[in-house]
Amino acid sequence: MIASRPIDIGGRFVGVAVSHHAGWRFRAVDPVVDDLDGATFPSLGEAARVAKLVLSRTQDWPRAGQVLAAE
């Protein structure tokens, strides 16, 4: 059975992780994380961690004073 989980970083929906024989495959929804589309990760946590890193490198994230919640 195929499972999927949304990847939400600080309230921003960035993609979906879909179960895969090697772990989880990331499907980007937000253009900021397009480079991760199709990447596989061993766990949901790792997919979210990497998406968070990519998102944090954009100029507008995090916004001034915003604290990112632990995933």
PDB file of N, CA and C in Angstrom:
ATOM      1  N   MET A   1       0.836  -1.178   0.000  1.00  0.00           N
ATOM      2  CA  MET A   1       0.000   0.000   0.000  1.00  0.00           C
ATOM      3  C   MET A   1       0.885   1.247   0.000  1.00  0.00           C
ATOM      4  N   ILE A   2       0.539   2.194  -0.823  1.00  0.00           N
ATOM      5  CA  ILE A   2       1.289   3.442  -0.919  1.00  0.00           C
ATOM      6  C   ILE A   2       0.753   4.405   0.139  1.00  0.00           C
ATOM      7  N   ALA A   3       1.673   4.998   0.881  1.00  0.00           N
ATOM      8  CA  ALA A   3       1.310   5.990   1.897  1.00  0.00           C
ATOM      9  C   ALA A   3       1.913   7.330   1.492  1.00  0.00           C
ATOM     10  N   SER A   4       1.272   8.401   1.896  1.00  0.00           N
ATOM     11  CA  SER A   4       1.820   9.731   1.641  1.00  0.00           C
ATOM     12  C   SER A   4       1.598  10.601   2.866  1.00  0.00           C
ATOM     13  N   ARG A   5       2.510  11.530   3.066  1.00  0.00           N
ATOM     14  CA  ARG A   5       2.431  12.452   4.197  1.00  0.00           C
ATOM     15  C   ARG A   5       2.798  13.854   3.715  1.00  0.00           C
ATOM     16  N   PRO A   6       2.017  14.855   4.128  1.00  0.00           N
ATOM     17  CA  PRO A   6       2.363  16.229   3.763  1.00  0.00           C
ATOM     18  C   PRO A   6       3.626  16.680   4.502  1.00  0.00           C
ATOM     19  N   ILE A   7       4.397  17.516   3.855  1.00  0.00           N
ATOM     20  CA  ILE A   7       5.573  18.122   4.486  1.00  0.00           C
ATOM     21  C   ILE A   7       5.269  19.611   4.631  1.00  0.00           C
ATOM     22  N   ASP A   8       5.141  20.023   5.865  1.00  0.00           N
ATOM     23  CA  ASP A   8       4.778  21.386   6.221  1.00  0.00           C
ATOM     24  C   ASP A   8       5.905  21.951   7.072  1.00  0.00           C
ATOM     25  N   ILE A   9       6.458  23.060   6.659  1.00  0.00           N
ATOM     26  CA  ILE A   9       7.555  23.687   7.390  1.00  0.00           C
ATOM     27  C   ILE A   9       7.076  25.036   7.904  1.00  0.00           C
ATOM     28  N   GLY A  10       6.904  25.133   9.213  1.00  0.00           N
ATOM     29  CA  GLY A  10       6.478  26.387   9.821  1.00  0.00           C
ATOM     30  C   GLY A  10       5.178  26.924   9.248  1.00  0.00           C
ATOM     31  N   GLY A  11       4.235  26.044   8.907  1.00  0.00           N
ATOM     32  CA  GLY A  11       2.957  26.467   8.360  1.00  0.00           C
ATOM     33  C   GLY A  11       2.944  26.630   6.853  1.00  0.00           C
ATOM     34  N   ARG A  12       4.050  26.331   6.202  1.00  0.00           N
ATOM     35  CA  ARG A  12       4.135  26.452   4.748  1.00  0.00           C
ATOM     36  C   ARG A  12       4.186  25.050   4.140  1.00  0.00           C
ATOM     37  N   PHE A  13       3.166  24.696   3.357  1.00  0.00           N
ATOM     38  CA  PHE A  13       3.088  23.394   2.715  1.00  0.00           C
ATOM     39  C   PHE A  13       4.067  23.381   1.546  1.00  0.00           C
ATOM     40  N   VAL A  14       5.122  22.564   1.646  1.00  0.00           N
ATOM     41  CA  VAL A  14       6.159  22.574   0.622  1.00  0.00           C
ATOM     42  C   VAL A  14       6.166  21.335  -0.265  1.00  0.00           C
ATOM     43  N   GLY A  15       5.562  20.246   0.203  1.00  0.00           N
ATOM     44  CA  GLY A  15       5.560  19.042  -0.617  1.00  0.00           C
ATOM     45  C   GLY A  15       4.920  17.863   0.082  1.00  0.00           C
ATOM     46  N   VAL A  16       5.063  16.708  -0.551  1.00  0.00           N
ATOM     47  CA  VAL A  16       4.493  15.470  -0.046  1.00  0.00           C
ATOM     48  C   VAL A  16       5.564  14.398  -0.099  1.00  0.00           C
ATOM     49  N   ALA A  17       5.630  13.595   0.945  1.00  0.00           N
ATOM     50  CA  ALA A  17       6.515  12.434   0.951  1.00  0.00           C
ATOM     51  C   ALA A  17       5.660  11.208   0.657  1.00  0.00           C
ATOM     52  N   VAL A  18       6.079  10.410  -0.315  1.00  0.00           N
ATOM     53  CA  VAL A  18       5.338   9.227  -0.733  1.00  0.00           C
ATOM     54  C   VAL A  18       6.193   8.003  -0.440  1.00  0.00           C
ATOM     55  N   SER A  19       5.583   6.984   0.176  1.00  0.00           N
ATOM     56  CA  SER A  19       6.349   5.782   0.507  1.00  0.00           C
ATOM     57  C   SER A  19       6.940   5.185  -0.770  1.00  0.00           C
ATOM     58  N   HIS A  20       8.123   4.615  -0.608  1.00  0.00           N
ATOM     59  CA  HIS A  20       8.901   4.107  -1.728  1.00  0.00           C
ATOM     60  C   HIS A  20       9.704   2.930  -1.203  1.00  0.00           C
ATOM     61  N   HIS A  21      10.080   2.001  -2.045  1.00  0.00           N
ATOM     62  CA  HIS A  21      10.803   0.824  -1.553  1.00  0.00           C
ATOM     63  C   HIS A  21      12.104   1.179  -0.826  1.00  0.00           C
ATOM     64  N   ALA A  22      12.682   2.332  -1.139  1.00  0.00           N
ATOM     65  CA  ALA A  22      13.928   2.749  -0.492  1.00  0.00           C
ATOM     66  C   ALA A  22      13.692   3.760   0.630  1.00  0.00           C
ATOM     67  N   GLY A  23      12.453   3.993   1.001  1.00  0.00           N
ATOM     68  CA  GLY A  23      12.149   4.969   2.053  1.00  0.00           C
ATOM     69  C   GLY A  23      10.991   5.848   1.641  1.00  0.00           C
ATOM     70  N   TRP A  24      11.272   7.142   1.460  1.00  0.00           N
ATOM     71  CA  TRP A  24      10.245   8.122   1.108  1.00  0.00           C
ATOM     72  C   TRP A  24      10.729   8.986  -0.051  1.00  0.00           C
ATOM     73  N   ARG A  25       9.895   9.160  -1.057  1.00  0.00           N
ATOM     74  CA  ARG A  25      10.221  10.008  -2.202  1.00  0.00           C
ATOM     75  C   ARG A  25       9.506  11.342  -2.015  1.00  0.00           C
ATOM     76  N   PHE A  26      10.255  12.421  -2.172  1.00  0.00           N
ATOM     77  CA  PHE A  26       9.716  13.770  -1.987  1.00  0.00           C
ATOM     78  C   PHE A  26       9.142  14.288  -3.296  1.00  0.00           C
ATOM     79  N   ARG A  27       7.935  14.853  -3.217  1.00  0.00           N
ATOM     80  CA  ARG A  27       7.308  15.521  -4.351  1.00  0.00           C
ATOM     81  C   ARG A  27       7.075  16.972  -3.963  1.00  0.00           C
ATOM     82  N   ALA A  28       7.778  17.872  -4.639  1.00  0.00           N
ATOM     83  CA  ALA A  28       7.699  19.298  -4.320  1.00  0.00           C
ATOM     84  C   ALA A  28       6.386  19.899  -4.799  1.00  0.00           C
ATOM     85  N   VAL A  29       5.831  20.776  -3.987  1.00  0.00           N
ATOM     86  CA  VAL A  29       4.653  21.554  -4.339  1.00  0.00           C
ATOM     87  C   VAL A  29       5.043  23.032  -4.413  1.00  0.00           C
ATOM     88  N   ASP A  30       5.947  23.437  -3.536  1.00  0.00           N
ATOM     89  CA  ASP A  30       6.430  24.811  -3.482  1.00  0.00           C
ATOM     90  C   ASP A  30       7.662  24.927  -4.398  1.00  0.00           C
ATOM     91  N   PRO A  31       7.687  25.904  -5.299  1.00  0.00           N
ATOM     92  CA  PRO A  31       8.819  26.065  -6.209  1.00  0.00           C
ATOM     93  C   PRO A  31      10.170  26.252  -5.508  1.00  0.00           C
ATOM     94  N   VAL A  32      10.167  26.733  -4.289  1.00  0.00           N
ATOM     95  CA  VAL A  32      11.414  26.952  -3.553  1.00  0.00           C
ATOM     96  C   VAL A  32      12.162  25.638  -3.332  1.00  0.00           C
ATOM     97  N   VAL A  33      11.429  24.536  -3.201  1.00  0.00           N
ATOM     98  CA  VAL A  33      12.070  23.237  -2.950  1.00  0.00           C
ATOM     99  C   VAL A  33      12.028  22.328  -4.181  1.00  0.00           C
ATOM    100  N   ASP A  34      11.838  22.909  -5.362  1.00  0.00           N
ATOM    101  CA  ASP A  34      11.780  22.130  -6.603  1.00  0.00           C
ATOM    102  C   ASP A  34      12.991  21.229  -6.812  1.00  0.00           C
ATOM    103  N   ASP A  35      14.160  21.649  -6.374  1.00  0.00           N
ATOM    104  CA  ASP A  35      15.367  20.844  -6.559  1.00  0.00           C
ATOM    105  C   ASP A  35      15.288  19.507  -5.825  1.00  0.00           C
ATOM    106  N   LEU A  36      14.416  19.401  -4.831  1.00  0.00           N
ATOM    107  CA  LEU A  36      14.263  18.148  -4.077  1.00  0.00           C
ATOM    108  C   LEU A  36      13.264  17.194  -4.716  1.00  0.00           C
ATOM    109  N   ASP A  37      12.525  17.658  -5.715  1.00  0.00           N
ATOM    110  CA  ASP A  37      11.485  16.822  -6.315  1.00  0.00           C
ATOM    111  C   ASP A  37      12.088  15.524  -6.843  1.00  0.00           C
ATOM    112  N   GLY A  38      11.545  14.403  -6.366  1.00  0.00           N
ATOM    113  CA  GLY A  38      12.009  13.090  -6.789  1.00  0.00           C
ATOM    114  C   GLY A  38      13.098  12.500  -5.912  1.00  0.00           C
ATOM    115  N   ALA A  39      13.637  13.285  -4.992  1.00  0.00           N
ATOM    116  CA  ALA A  39      14.696  12.779  -4.099  1.00  0.00           C
ATOM    117  C   ALA A  39      14.109  11.761  -3.125  1.00  0.00           C
ATOM    118  N   THR A  40      14.899  10.764  -2.755  1.00  0.00           N
ATOM    119  CA  THR A  40      14.436   9.777  -1.780  1.00  0.00           C
ATOM    120  C   THR A  40      15.173   9.980  -0.460  1.00  0.00           C
ATOM    121  N   PHE A  41      14.467   9.703   0.618  1.00  0.00           N
ATOM    122  CA  PHE A  41      14.987   9.876   1.969  1.00  0.00           C
ATOM    123  C   PHE A  41      14.657   8.636   2.789  1.00  0.00           C
ATOM    124  N   PRO A  42      15.503   8.308   3.755  1.00  0.00           N
ATOM    125  CA  PRO A  42      15.261   7.114   4.571  1.00  0.00           C
ATOM    126  C   PRO A  42      14.086   7.244   5.534  1.00  0.00           C
ATOM    127  N   SER A  43      13.694   8.493   5.839  1.00  0.00           N
ATOM    128  CA  SER A  43      12.601   8.700   6.797  1.00  0.00           C
ATOM    129  C   SER A  43      11.865   9.995   6.473  1.00  0.00           C
ATOM    130  N   LEU A  44      10.664  10.108   7.024  1.00  0.00           N
ATOM    131  CA  LEU A  44       9.903  11.351   6.879  1.00  0.00           C
ATOM    132  C   LEU A  44      10.639  12.511   7.529  1.00  0.00           C
ATOM    133  N   GLY A  45      11.217  12.239   8.680  1.00  0.00           N
ATOM    134  CA  GLY A  45      11.951  13.279   9.395  1.00  0.00           C
ATOM    135  C   GLY A  45      13.101  13.838   8.590  1.00  0.00           C
ATOM    136  N   GLU A  46      13.803  12.960   7.886  1.00  0.00           N
ATOM    137  CA  GLU A  46      14.927  13.417   7.062  1.00  0.00           C
ATOM    138  C   GLU A  46      14.428  14.239   5.877  1.00  0.00           C
ATOM    139  N   ALA A  47      13.329  13.838   5.277  1.00  0.00           N
ATOM    140  CA  ALA A  47      12.759  14.614   4.171  1.00  0.00           C
ATOM    141  C   ALA A  47      12.365  16.012   4.651  1.00  0.00           C
ATOM    142  N   ALA A  48      11.732  16.094   5.806  1.00  0.00           N
ATOM    143  CA  ALA A  48      11.339  17.392   6.363  1.00  0.00           C
ATOM    144  C   ALA A  48      12.553  18.223   6.748  1.00  0.00           C
ATOM    145  N   ARG A  49      13.575  17.578   7.301  1.00  0.00           N
ATOM    146  CA  ARG A  49      14.790  18.290   7.707  1.00  0.00           C
ATOM    147  C   ARG A  49      15.474  18.940   6.504  1.00  0.00           C
ATOM    148  N   VAL A  50      15.602  18.195   5.417  1.00  0.00           N
ATOM    149  CA  VAL A  50      16.266  18.728   4.226  1.00  0.00           C
ATOM    150  C   VAL A  50      15.410  19.818   3.580  1.00  0.00           C
ATOM    151  N   ALA A  51      14.108  19.616   3.519  1.00  0.00           N
ATOM    152  CA  ALA A  51      13.223  20.656   2.979  1.00  0.00           C
ATOM    153  C   ALA A  51      13.337  21.932   3.804  1.00  0.00           C
ATOM    154  N   LYS A  52      13.428  21.777   5.111  1.00  0.00           N
ATOM    155  CA  LYS A  52      13.574  22.933   5.997  1.00  0.00           C
ATOM    156  C   LYS A  52      14.887  23.664   5.729  1.00  0.00           C
ATOM    157  N   LEU A  53      15.960  22.916   5.498  1.00  0.00           N
ATOM    158  CA  LEU A  53      17.252  23.534   5.180  1.00  0.00           C
ATOM    159  C   LEU A  53      17.173  24.335   3.884  1.00  0.00           C
ATOM    160  N   VAL A  54      16.579  23.744   2.869  1.00  0.00           N
ATOM    161  CA  VAL A  54      16.450  24.431   1.579  1.00  0.00           C
ATOM    162  C   VAL A  54      15.596  25.682   1.739  1.00  0.00           C
ATOM    163  N   LEU A  55      14.480  25.549   2.416  1.00  0.00           N
ATOM    164  CA  LEU A  55      13.587  26.690   2.631  1.00  0.00           C
ATOM    165  C   LEU A  55      14.271  27.791   3.437  1.00  0.00           C
ATOM    166  N   SER A  56      15.063  27.411   4.428  1.00  0.00           N
ATOM    167  CA  SER A  56      15.725  28.408   5.274  1.00  0.00           C
ATOM    168  C   SER A  56      16.776  29.214   4.523  1.00  0.00           C
ATOM    169  N   ARG A  57      17.211  28.727   3.387  1.00  0.00           N
ATOM    170  CA  ARG A  57      18.233  29.437   2.603  1.00  0.00           C
ATOM    171  C   ARG A  57      17.648  30.457   1.644  1.00  0.00           C
ATOM    172  N   THR A  58      16.326  30.553   1.599  1.00  0.00           N
ATOM    173  CA  THR A  58      15.706  31.579   0.764  1.00  0.00           C
ATOM    174  C   THR A  58      15.790  32.910   1.500  1.00  0.00           C
ATOM    175  N   GLN A  59      15.763  33.988   0.776  1.00  0.00           N
ATOM    176  CA  GLN A  59      15.932  35.310   1.387  1.00  0.00           C
ATOM    177  C   GLN A  59      14.789  35.703   2.306  1.00  0.00           C
ATOM    178  N   ASP A  60      13.577  35.207   2.058  1.00  0.00           N
ATOM    179  CA  ASP A  60      12.439  35.653   2.853  1.00  0.00           C
ATOM    180  C   ASP A  60      12.079  34.686   3.981  1.00  0.00           C
ATOM    181  N   TRP A  61      12.958  33.748   4.295  1.00  0.00           N
ATOM    182  CA  TRP A  61      12.609  32.754   5.321  1.00  0.00           C
ATOM    183  C   TRP A  61      13.751  32.597   6.296  1.00  0.00           C
ATOM    184  N   PRO A  62      13.593  32.573   7.577  1.00  0.00           N
ATOM    185  CA  PRO A  62      12.341  32.926   8.246  1.00  0.00           C
ATOM    186  C   PRO A  62      12.152  34.438   8.245  1.00  0.00           C
ATOM    187  N   ARG A  63      10.952  34.850   8.363  1.00  0.00           N
ATOM    188  CA  ARG A  63      10.671  36.278   8.435  1.00  0.00           C
ATOM    189  C   ARG A  63      11.193  36.809   9.769  1.00  0.00           C
ATOM    190  N   ALA A  64      11.481  38.054   9.802  1.00  0.00           N
ATOM    191  CA  ALA A  64      12.060  38.666  11.004  1.00  0.00           C
ATOM    192  C   ALA A  64      11.231  38.307  12.235  1.00  0.00           C
ATOM    193  N   GLY A  65      11.893  37.787  13.241  1.00  0.00           N
ATOM    194  CA  GLY A  65      11.250  37.455  14.500  1.00  0.00           C
ATOM    195  C   GLY A  65      10.524  36.132  14.533  1.00  0.00           C
ATOM    196  N   GLN A  66      10.428  35.445  13.407  1.00  0.00           N
ATOM    197  CA  GLN A  66       9.701  34.174  13.362  1.00  0.00           C
ATOM    198  C   GLN A  66      10.599  33.049  13.879  1.00  0.00           C
ATOM    199  N   VAL A  67      10.032  32.213  14.710  1.00  0.00           N
ATOM    200  CA  VAL A  67      10.762  31.061  15.234  1.00  0.00           C
ATOM    201  C   VAL A  67      10.208  29.826  14.562  1.00  0.00           C
ATOM    202  N   LEU A  68      11.106  28.986  14.014  1.00  0.00           N
ATOM    203  CA  LEU A  68      10.664  27.760  13.367  1.00  0.00           C
ATOM    204  C   LEU A  68      10.376  26.697  14.415  1.00  0.00           C
ATOM    205  N   ALA A  69       9.245  26.047  14.285  1.00  0.00           N
ATOM    206  CA  ALA A  69       8.883  24.982  15.203  1.00  0.00           C
ATOM    207  C   ALA A  69       9.719  23.733  14.885  1.00  0.00           C
ATOM    208  N   ALA A  70      10.042  22.986  15.920  1.00  0.00           N
ATOM    209  CA  ALA A  70      10.775  21.738  15.720  1.00  0.00           C
ATOM    210  C   ALA A  70       9.879  20.760  14.994  1.00  0.00           C
ATOM    211  N   GLU A  71      10.424  20.087  14.023  1.00  0.00           N
ATOM    212  CA  GLU A  71       9.651  19.102  13.242  1.00  0.00           C
ATOM    213  C   GLU A  71       9.764  17.745  13.870  1.00  0.00           C
TER     214      GLU A  71
END
